[in-house]
Amino acid sequence: MILKGKAHKFGDNINTDDIIAAKYLDSCDDDFLGSKCMETIDTTFIKRVTRGDIIVAGNNFGCGSSREHAPVSIKGAGISLVIAKSFARIFYRNSINVGLPILVCDDTSKISSLDLLEVDLQNGLIKDVTKNKMFSSEKFPDFMQEIIKKKGLLNWIKSSV
């Protein structure tokens, strides 16, 4: 699976309250949650996102509460992938469960906002097209790619029975 999009850069310790504010947790609507994604730390984020874009971050992305709303809001905003140095464990699983691919990359510091990225999930390769640089990441496991293709764990389970 190859994903292409422009990078939206964030730092370390982006928590689930940064991703989607608690005041919106009474909704489960993907589009509504997406429209509020990252608004507490970047009010212009949602206006700059194009469907297929990619979030790039530092360490411990998705820390804090274990709410599933955080990856749902990222998907609802049109983001196709999150790349970070590390993820909070529950956020990682919630992302896969809702069909949002995520990659661990040891060095995200050389990727800048608005760089065009081309990401090969199967081989764990990240190409910064803007800077003509390659980065490697953990390969995205085949069974997780299948979950993503089915748009989440529940759909994957339904298709398996």
N, C-alpha and C. Protein backbone atom coordinates (compact mmCIF):
# COMPACT_ATOMS: atom_id res chain seq x y z
N MET A 1 0.85 -1.17 0.00
CA MET A 1 0.00 0.00 0.00
C MET A 1 0.90 1.24 0.00
N ILE A 2 0.69 2.13 -0.97
CA ILE A 2 1.45 3.38 -1.07
C ILE A 2 0.50 4.54 -0.75
N LEU A 3 0.94 5.40 0.17
CA LEU A 3 0.17 6.60 0.54
C LEU A 3 0.97 7.83 0.18
N LYS A 4 0.29 8.85 -0.34
CA LYS A 4 0.96 10.10 -0.70
C LYS A 4 0.18 11.27 -0.10
N GLY A 5 0.93 12.24 0.42
CA GLY A 5 0.30 13.43 0.96
C GLY A 5 1.33 14.38 1.50
N LYS A 6 0.87 15.58 1.82
CA LYS A 6 1.80 16.55 2.39
C LYS A 6 1.81 16.40 3.91
N ALA A 7 2.97 16.70 4.47
CA ALA A 7 3.19 16.54 5.91
C ALA A 7 2.63 17.71 6.70
N HIS A 8 2.08 17.39 7.85
CA HIS A 8 1.67 18.38 8.85
C HIS A 8 2.44 18.00 10.10
N LYS A 9 3.35 18.86 10.53
CA LYS A 9 4.34 18.52 11.55
C LYS A 9 3.88 18.94 12.95
N PHE A 10 4.07 18.03 13.89
CA PHE A 10 3.80 18.29 15.30
C PHE A 10 4.98 17.77 16.12
N GLY A 11 5.10 18.23 17.35
CA GLY A 11 6.23 17.87 18.20
C GLY A 11 5.99 16.63 19.05
N ASP A 12 6.60 16.62 20.21
CA ASP A 12 6.50 15.51 21.15
C ASP A 12 5.27 15.64 22.04
N ASN A 13 4.85 14.51 22.59
CA ASN A 13 3.81 14.45 23.62
C ASN A 13 2.49 15.10 23.21
N ILE A 14 2.08 14.86 21.98
CA ILE A 14 0.76 15.34 21.54
C ILE A 14 -0.26 14.38 22.14
N ASN A 15 -1.07 14.90 23.06
CA ASN A 15 -1.99 14.01 23.76
C ASN A 15 -3.37 13.99 23.10
N THR A 16 -4.20 13.08 23.57
CA THR A 16 -5.51 12.91 22.95
C THR A 16 -6.39 14.15 23.14
N ASP A 17 -6.17 14.94 24.19
CA ASP A 17 -6.91 16.19 24.35
C ASP A 17 -6.45 17.23 23.32
N ASP A 18 -5.19 17.16 22.89
CA ASP A 18 -4.71 18.02 21.81
C ASP A 18 -5.34 17.60 20.48
N ILE A 19 -5.47 16.31 20.29
CA ILE A 19 -6.00 15.78 19.03
C ILE A 19 -7.49 16.11 18.91
N ILE A 20 -8.25 15.84 19.95
CA ILE A 20 -9.68 16.19 19.97
C ILE A 20 -10.06 16.59 21.40
N ALA A 21 -10.54 17.80 21.54
CA ALA A 21 -10.88 18.33 22.87
C ALA A 21 -12.02 17.53 23.50
N ALA A 22 -11.95 17.38 24.82
CA ALA A 22 -12.94 16.60 25.56
C ALA A 22 -14.36 17.10 25.36
N LYS A 23 -14.53 18.38 25.09
CA LYS A 23 -15.88 18.93 24.94
C LYS A 23 -16.62 18.37 23.72
N TYR A 24 -15.90 17.69 22.82
CA TYR A 24 -16.53 17.11 21.63
C TYR A 24 -16.79 15.61 21.75
N LEU A 25 -16.52 15.04 22.91
CA LEU A 25 -16.60 13.59 23.05
C LEU A 25 -18.03 13.05 23.11
N ASP A 26 -19.01 13.95 23.06
CA ASP A 26 -20.39 13.48 23.03
C ASP A 26 -20.82 13.11 21.61
N SER A 27 -19.93 13.27 20.65
CA SER A 27 -20.22 12.92 19.27
C SER A 27 -19.36 11.73 18.83
N CYS A 28 -19.91 10.92 17.97
CA CYS A 28 -19.15 9.82 17.35
C CYS A 28 -19.09 10.01 15.84
N ASP A 29 -19.52 11.17 15.35
CA ASP A 29 -19.55 11.44 13.92
C ASP A 29 -18.16 11.78 13.41
N ASP A 30 -17.66 10.95 12.48
CA ASP A 30 -16.30 11.12 11.97
C ASP A 30 -16.06 12.51 11.39
N ASP A 31 -17.00 12.99 10.58
CA ASP A 31 -16.82 14.29 9.93
C ASP A 31 -16.81 15.43 10.94
N PHE A 32 -17.72 15.38 11.93
CA PHE A 32 -17.73 16.42 12.96
C PHE A 32 -16.43 16.40 13.76
N LEU A 33 -16.03 15.23 14.22
CA LEU A 33 -14.79 15.13 14.99
C LEU A 33 -13.60 15.58 14.16
N GLY A 34 -13.59 15.21 12.88
CA GLY A 34 -12.52 15.64 11.98
C GLY A 34 -12.44 17.15 11.85
N SER A 35 -13.58 17.80 11.86
CA SER A 35 -13.61 19.26 11.72
C SER A 35 -13.04 19.97 12.95
N LYS A 36 -12.90 19.26 14.04
CA LYS A 36 -12.37 19.82 15.30
C LYS A 36 -10.97 19.30 15.62
N CYS A 37 -10.43 18.46 14.76
CA CYS A 37 -9.13 17.82 15.01
C CYS A 37 -8.02 18.87 15.17
N MET A 38 -7.25 18.73 16.21
CA MET A 38 -6.07 19.56 16.52
C MET A 38 -6.38 21.03 16.79
N GLU A 39 -7.65 21.39 16.94
CA GLU A 39 -7.97 22.81 17.06
C GLU A 39 -7.41 23.47 18.32
N THR A 40 -7.16 22.70 19.37
CA THR A 40 -6.63 23.32 20.59
C THR A 40 -5.15 23.69 20.48
N ILE A 41 -4.44 23.09 19.52
CA ILE A 41 -3.02 23.44 19.37
C ILE A 41 -2.70 24.11 18.04
N ASP A 42 -3.64 24.03 17.08
CA ASP A 42 -3.43 24.68 15.78
C ASP A 42 -4.78 24.96 15.14
N THR A 43 -5.27 26.16 15.33
CA THR A 43 -6.61 26.51 14.83
C THR A 43 -6.70 26.51 13.31
N THR A 44 -5.56 26.55 12.62
CA THR A 44 -5.59 26.56 11.16
C THR A 44 -5.40 25.16 10.54
N PHE A 45 -5.16 24.17 11.38
CA PHE A 45 -4.85 22.83 10.88
C PHE A 45 -5.91 22.32 9.90
N ILE A 46 -7.15 22.29 10.32
CA ILE A 46 -8.20 21.68 9.50
C ILE A 46 -8.40 22.44 8.18
N LYS A 47 -8.09 23.71 8.16
CA LYS A 47 -8.23 24.51 6.93
C LYS A 47 -7.12 24.19 5.93
N ARG A 48 -6.00 23.67 6.41
CA ARG A 48 -4.85 23.38 5.56
C ARG A 48 -4.78 21.94 5.07
N VAL A 49 -5.57 21.07 5.69
CA VAL A 49 -5.52 19.65 5.37
C VAL A 49 -6.24 19.35 4.06
N THR A 50 -5.59 18.54 3.25
CA THR A 50 -6.20 17.98 2.05
C THR A 50 -6.33 16.48 2.27
N ARG A 51 -7.43 15.90 1.83
CA ARG A 51 -7.63 14.46 2.01
C ARG A 51 -6.40 13.70 1.52
N GLY A 52 -5.88 12.81 2.38
CA GLY A 52 -4.69 12.03 2.05
C GLY A 52 -3.42 12.54 2.71
N ASP A 53 -3.48 13.72 3.32
CA ASP A 53 -2.30 14.27 3.98
C ASP A 53 -1.85 13.39 5.14
N ILE A 54 -0.66 13.70 5.67
CA ILE A 54 0.00 12.85 6.66
C ILE A 54 0.44 13.69 7.85
N ILE A 55 0.15 13.23 9.06
CA ILE A 55 0.69 13.86 10.27
C ILE A 55 2.04 13.24 10.57
N VAL A 56 3.02 14.10 10.87
CA VAL A 56 4.36 13.66 11.27
C VAL A 56 4.62 14.29 12.64
N ALA A 57 5.07 13.46 13.58
CA ALA A 57 5.25 13.96 14.94
C ALA A 57 6.49 13.35 15.59
N GLY A 58 6.76 13.80 16.79
CA GLY A 58 7.91 13.32 17.56
C GLY A 58 7.54 12.12 18.42
N ASN A 59 8.01 12.16 19.65
CA ASN A 59 7.81 11.06 20.59
C ASN A 59 6.45 11.11 21.26
N ASN A 60 5.93 9.92 21.59
CA ASN A 60 4.78 9.77 22.47
C ASN A 60 3.50 10.37 21.90
N PHE A 61 3.29 10.24 20.61
CA PHE A 61 2.07 10.77 19.99
C PHE A 61 0.86 9.97 20.50
N GLY A 62 -0.20 10.68 20.87
CA GLY A 62 -1.43 10.05 21.33
C GLY A 62 -1.44 9.66 22.80
N CYS A 63 -0.56 10.27 23.59
CA CYS A 63 -0.54 9.98 25.02
C CYS A 63 -1.80 10.55 25.69
N GLY A 64 -2.02 10.19 26.92
CA GLY A 64 -3.18 10.71 27.64
C GLY A 64 -4.31 9.69 27.69
N SER A 65 -5.53 10.19 27.61
CA SER A 65 -6.71 9.33 27.71
C SER A 65 -6.73 8.29 26.61
N SER A 66 -7.42 7.20 26.87
CA SER A 66 -7.46 6.09 25.92
C SER A 66 -8.66 6.20 24.97
N ARG A 67 -9.09 7.40 24.71
CA ARG A 67 -10.29 7.58 23.90
C ARG A 67 -10.07 7.24 22.43
N GLU A 68 -11.02 6.51 21.89
CA GLU A 68 -10.99 6.13 20.48
C GLU A 68 -11.31 7.34 19.58
N HIS A 69 -11.89 8.38 20.15
CA HIS A 69 -12.24 9.58 19.39
C HIS A 69 -11.02 10.22 18.73
N ALA A 70 -9.84 10.07 19.33
CA ALA A 70 -8.65 10.74 18.79
C ALA A 70 -8.30 10.22 17.39
N PRO A 71 -8.09 8.92 17.20
CA PRO A 71 -7.81 8.47 15.83
C PRO A 71 -9.01 8.64 14.89
N VAL A 72 -10.22 8.56 15.42
CA VAL A 72 -11.41 8.78 14.58
C VAL A 72 -11.40 10.21 14.04
N SER A 73 -11.04 11.18 14.88
CA SER A 73 -11.01 12.57 14.43
C SER A 73 -9.91 12.80 13.40
N ILE A 74 -8.78 12.12 13.55
CA ILE A 74 -7.70 12.25 12.57
C ILE A 74 -8.16 11.72 11.22
N LYS A 75 -8.79 10.54 11.22
CA LYS A 75 -9.33 10.00 9.97
C LYS A 75 -10.41 10.93 9.41
N GLY A 76 -11.27 11.42 10.28
CA GLY A 76 -12.35 12.32 9.85
C GLY A 76 -11.84 13.61 9.24
N ALA A 77 -10.63 14.02 9.62
CA ALA A 77 -10.01 15.23 9.06
C ALA A 77 -9.44 14.96 7.67
N GLY A 78 -9.37 13.70 7.28
CA GLY A 78 -8.84 13.35 5.97
C GLY A 78 -7.39 12.90 5.97
N ILE A 79 -6.81 12.78 7.15
CA ILE A 79 -5.42 12.32 7.27
C ILE A 79 -5.37 10.83 6.94
N SER A 80 -4.40 10.44 6.10
CA SER A 80 -4.31 9.04 5.68
C SER A 80 -3.35 8.21 6.52
N LEU A 81 -2.48 8.88 7.29
CA LEU A 81 -1.40 8.18 7.98
C LEU A 81 -0.80 9.10 9.03
N VAL A 82 -0.36 8.51 10.14
CA VAL A 82 0.42 9.25 11.14
C VAL A 82 1.78 8.56 11.25
N ILE A 83 2.83 9.37 11.17
CA ILE A 83 4.21 8.90 11.34
C ILE A 83 4.76 9.61 12.57
N ALA A 84 5.34 8.86 13.50
CA ALA A 84 5.92 9.47 14.70
C ALA A 84 7.10 8.64 15.17
N LYS A 85 7.91 9.26 16.03
CA LYS A 85 9.05 8.53 16.62
C LYS A 85 8.54 7.43 17.55
N SER A 86 7.45 7.71 18.26
CA SER A 86 6.82 6.70 19.11
C SER A 86 5.37 7.10 19.37
N PHE A 87 4.58 6.09 19.74
CA PHE A 87 3.16 6.28 20.01
C PHE A 87 2.82 5.75 21.39
N ALA A 88 1.82 6.36 22.01
CA ALA A 88 1.26 5.77 23.22
C ALA A 88 0.61 4.45 22.81
N ARG A 89 0.79 3.44 23.61
CA ARG A 89 0.36 2.08 23.25
C ARG A 89 -1.14 1.98 22.94
N ILE A 90 -1.98 2.56 23.76
CA ILE A 90 -3.42 2.46 23.53
C ILE A 90 -3.81 3.23 22.27
N PHE A 91 -3.20 4.39 22.04
CA PHE A 91 -3.49 5.13 20.81
C PHE A 91 -3.11 4.29 19.59
N TYR A 92 -1.99 3.60 19.66
CA TYR A 92 -1.54 2.75 18.55
C TYR A 92 -2.61 1.72 18.20
N ARG A 93 -3.08 0.99 19.21
CA ARG A 93 -4.10 -0.04 18.96
C ARG A 93 -5.43 0.57 18.52
N ASN A 94 -5.84 1.67 19.15
CA ASN A 94 -7.09 2.32 18.73
C ASN A 94 -7.01 2.76 17.28
N SER A 95 -5.85 3.23 16.85
CA SER A 95 -5.69 3.68 15.46
C SER A 95 -5.90 2.51 14.50
N ILE A 96 -5.26 1.41 14.77
CA ILE A 96 -5.42 0.23 13.92
C ILE A 96 -6.89 -0.21 13.94
N ASN A 97 -7.48 -0.24 15.11
CA ASN A 97 -8.87 -0.70 15.25
C ASN A 97 -9.85 0.13 14.42
N VAL A 98 -9.59 1.43 14.27
CA VAL A 98 -10.50 2.28 13.48
C VAL A 98 -10.04 2.42 12.03
N GLY A 99 -8.93 1.77 11.68
CA GLY A 99 -8.48 1.78 10.29
C GLY A 99 -7.55 2.92 9.92
N LEU A 100 -6.83 3.47 10.90
CA LEU A 100 -5.86 4.54 10.65
C LEU A 100 -4.46 3.97 10.71
N PRO A 101 -3.74 3.91 9.59
CA PRO A 101 -2.37 3.39 9.64
C PRO A 101 -1.42 4.35 10.35
N ILE A 102 -0.48 3.78 11.09
CA ILE A 102 0.53 4.57 11.79
C ILE A 102 1.87 3.86 11.65
N LEU A 103 2.92 4.67 11.54
CA LEU A 103 4.27 4.14 11.39
C LEU A 103 5.21 4.75 12.40
N VAL A 104 6.09 3.94 12.95
CA VAL A 104 7.15 4.40 13.83
C VAL A 104 8.38 4.66 12.97
N CYS A 105 8.93 5.86 13.07
CA CYS A 105 10.13 6.24 12.32
C CYS A 105 11.11 6.88 13.30
N ASP A 106 12.33 6.36 13.35
CA ASP A 106 13.32 6.84 14.32
C ASP A 106 13.66 8.31 14.20
N ASP A 107 13.59 8.87 12.98
CA ASP A 107 13.98 10.27 12.81
C ASP A 107 12.97 11.02 11.96
N THR A 108 12.06 11.69 12.62
CA THR A 108 11.08 12.52 11.92
C THR A 108 11.51 13.98 11.88
N SER A 109 12.63 14.30 12.50
CA SER A 109 13.06 15.69 12.63
C SER A 109 13.43 16.34 11.30
N LYS A 110 13.80 15.55 10.32
CA LYS A 110 14.22 16.10 9.02
C LYS A 110 13.06 16.32 8.06
N ILE A 111 11.87 15.89 8.45
CA ILE A 111 10.68 16.12 7.64
C ILE A 111 10.04 17.42 8.11
N SER A 112 9.72 18.29 7.17
CA SER A 112 9.13 19.59 7.48
C SER A 112 7.66 19.63 7.09
N SER A 113 6.93 20.55 7.70
CA SER A 113 5.54 20.77 7.31
C SER A 113 5.49 21.10 5.83
N LEU A 114 4.49 20.54 5.19
CA LEU A 114 4.19 20.74 3.77
C LEU A 114 5.11 19.98 2.82
N ASP A 115 6.11 19.25 3.34
CA ASP A 115 6.89 18.36 2.48
C ASP A 115 5.95 17.31 1.90
N LEU A 116 6.12 17.00 0.64
CA LEU A 116 5.34 15.94 0.01
C LEU A 116 5.98 14.60 0.33
N LEU A 117 5.19 13.68 0.89
CA LEU A 117 5.69 12.37 1.28
C LEU A 117 5.02 11.28 0.46
N GLU A 118 5.78 10.24 0.21
CA GLU A 118 5.29 9.03 -0.45
C GLU A 118 5.70 7.87 0.45
N VAL A 119 4.73 7.14 0.97
CA VAL A 119 5.02 6.13 1.99
C VAL A 119 4.59 4.74 1.51
N ASP A 120 5.52 3.82 1.56
CA ASP A 120 5.29 2.43 1.21
C ASP A 120 5.12 1.67 2.53
N LEU A 121 3.87 1.38 2.90
CA LEU A 121 3.61 0.71 4.17
C LEU A 121 4.20 -0.69 4.21
N GLN A 122 4.09 -1.40 3.10
CA GLN A 122 4.53 -2.79 3.06
C GLN A 122 6.03 -2.93 3.32
N ASN A 123 6.81 -1.99 2.82
CA ASN A 123 8.27 -2.08 2.98
C ASN A 123 8.82 -1.14 4.04
N GLY A 124 7.95 -0.32 4.65
CA GLY A 124 8.41 0.60 5.69
C GLY A 124 9.32 1.70 5.17
N LEU A 125 9.02 2.19 3.97
CA LEU A 125 9.85 3.25 3.38
C LEU A 125 9.07 4.55 3.28
N ILE A 126 9.73 5.63 3.68
CA ILE A 126 9.15 6.96 3.62
C ILE A 126 10.04 7.80 2.72
N LYS A 127 9.48 8.28 1.63
CA LYS A 127 10.26 9.14 0.73
C LYS A 127 9.74 10.56 0.90
N ASP A 128 10.64 11.46 1.27
CA ASP A 128 10.33 12.88 1.29
C ASP A 128 10.63 13.37 -0.14
N VAL A 129 9.60 13.47 -0.94
CA VAL A 129 9.74 13.85 -2.34
C VAL A 129 10.29 15.27 -2.45
N THR A 130 9.87 16.15 -1.56
CA THR A 130 10.31 17.54 -1.58
C THR A 130 11.83 17.64 -1.42
N LYS A 131 12.38 16.89 -0.49
CA LYS A 131 13.82 16.96 -0.20
C LYS A 131 14.62 15.82 -0.84
N ASN A 132 13.93 14.94 -1.52
CA ASN A 132 14.55 13.77 -2.15
C ASN A 132 15.39 12.98 -1.13
N LYS A 133 14.75 12.67 0.03
CA LYS A 133 15.40 11.89 1.08
C LYS A 133 14.54 10.69 1.41
N MET A 134 15.19 9.62 1.80
CA MET A 134 14.49 8.39 2.20
C MET A 134 14.67 8.15 3.69
N PHE A 135 13.62 7.66 4.32
CA PHE A 135 13.64 7.28 5.72
C PHE A 135 13.06 5.88 5.82
N SER A 136 13.50 5.15 6.82
CA SER A 136 12.92 3.82 7.02
C SER A 136 12.10 3.83 8.30
N SER A 137 11.16 2.94 8.34
CA SER A 137 10.31 2.79 9.51
C SER A 137 10.09 1.31 9.73
N GLU A 138 9.42 1.00 10.81
CA GLU A 138 9.01 -0.37 11.02
C GLU A 138 8.05 -0.73 9.88
N LYS A 139 8.23 -1.89 9.32
CA LYS A 139 7.31 -2.37 8.30
C LYS A 139 5.92 -2.50 8.92
N PHE A 140 4.91 -2.07 8.20
CA PHE A 140 3.54 -2.19 8.68
C PHE A 140 3.08 -3.62 8.41
N PRO A 141 2.86 -4.42 9.45
CA PRO A 141 2.56 -5.85 9.28
C PRO A 141 1.39 -6.11 8.32
N ASP A 142 1.50 -7.21 7.59
CA ASP A 142 0.50 -7.55 6.58
C ASP A 142 -0.91 -7.62 7.16
N PHE A 143 -1.07 -8.26 8.34
CA PHE A 143 -2.42 -8.40 8.88
C PHE A 143 -2.99 -7.03 9.27
N MET A 144 -2.13 -6.09 9.68
CA MET A 144 -2.60 -4.74 9.98
C MET A 144 -2.98 -4.01 8.70
N GLN A 145 -2.24 -4.26 7.63
CA GLN A 145 -2.61 -3.67 6.34
C GLN A 145 -3.98 -4.17 5.90
N GLU A 146 -4.26 -5.44 6.18
CA GLU A 146 -5.58 -5.99 5.85
C GLU A 146 -6.68 -5.29 6.66
N ILE A 147 -6.42 -5.03 7.93
CA ILE A 147 -7.39 -4.31 8.78
C ILE A 147 -7.63 -2.91 8.22
N ILE A 148 -6.56 -2.24 7.80
CA ILE A 148 -6.68 -0.90 7.23
C ILE A 148 -7.47 -0.95 5.93
N LYS A 149 -7.19 -1.92 5.06
CA LYS A 149 -7.93 -2.06 3.80
C LYS A 149 -9.42 -2.25 4.03
N LYS A 150 -9.77 -2.93 5.12
CA LYS A 150 -11.18 -3.17 5.45
C LYS A 150 -11.80 -2.01 6.24
N LYS A 151 -11.00 -0.95 6.48
CA LYS A 151 -11.44 0.26 7.19
C LYS A 151 -11.73 0.02 8.67
N GLY A 152 -10.97 -0.90 9.28
CA GLY A 152 -11.08 -1.09 10.72
C GLY A 152 -11.24 -2.55 11.12
N LEU A 153 -11.01 -2.79 12.41
CA LEU A 153 -11.01 -4.15 12.96
C LEU A 153 -12.37 -4.82 12.84
N LEU A 154 -13.44 -4.12 13.15
CA LEU A 154 -14.76 -4.74 13.09
C LEU A 154 -15.10 -5.20 11.68
N ASN A 155 -14.81 -4.37 10.68
CA ASN A 155 -15.06 -4.76 9.30
C ASN A 155 -14.20 -5.95 8.90
N TRP A 156 -12.96 -5.96 9.37
CA TRP A 156 -12.05 -7.07 9.08
C TRP A 156 -12.58 -8.37 9.66
N ILE A 157 -13.05 -8.31 10.91
CA ILE A 157 -13.62 -9.50 11.58
C ILE A 157 -14.84 -9.98 10.80
N LYS A 158 -15.74 -9.05 10.45
CA LYS A 158 -16.95 -9.43 9.71
C LYS A 158 -16.62 -10.10 8.40
N SER A 159 -15.57 -9.64 7.73
CA SER A 159 -15.21 -10.23 6.43
C SER A 159 -14.49 -11.56 6.57
N SER A 160 -14.05 -11.88 7.79
CA SER A 160 -13.31 -13.11 8.03
C SER A 160 -14.20 -14.28 8.42
N VAL A 161 -15.45 -13.99 8.77
CA VAL A 161 -16.34 -15.07 9.23
C VAL A 161 -17.28 -15.53 8.16
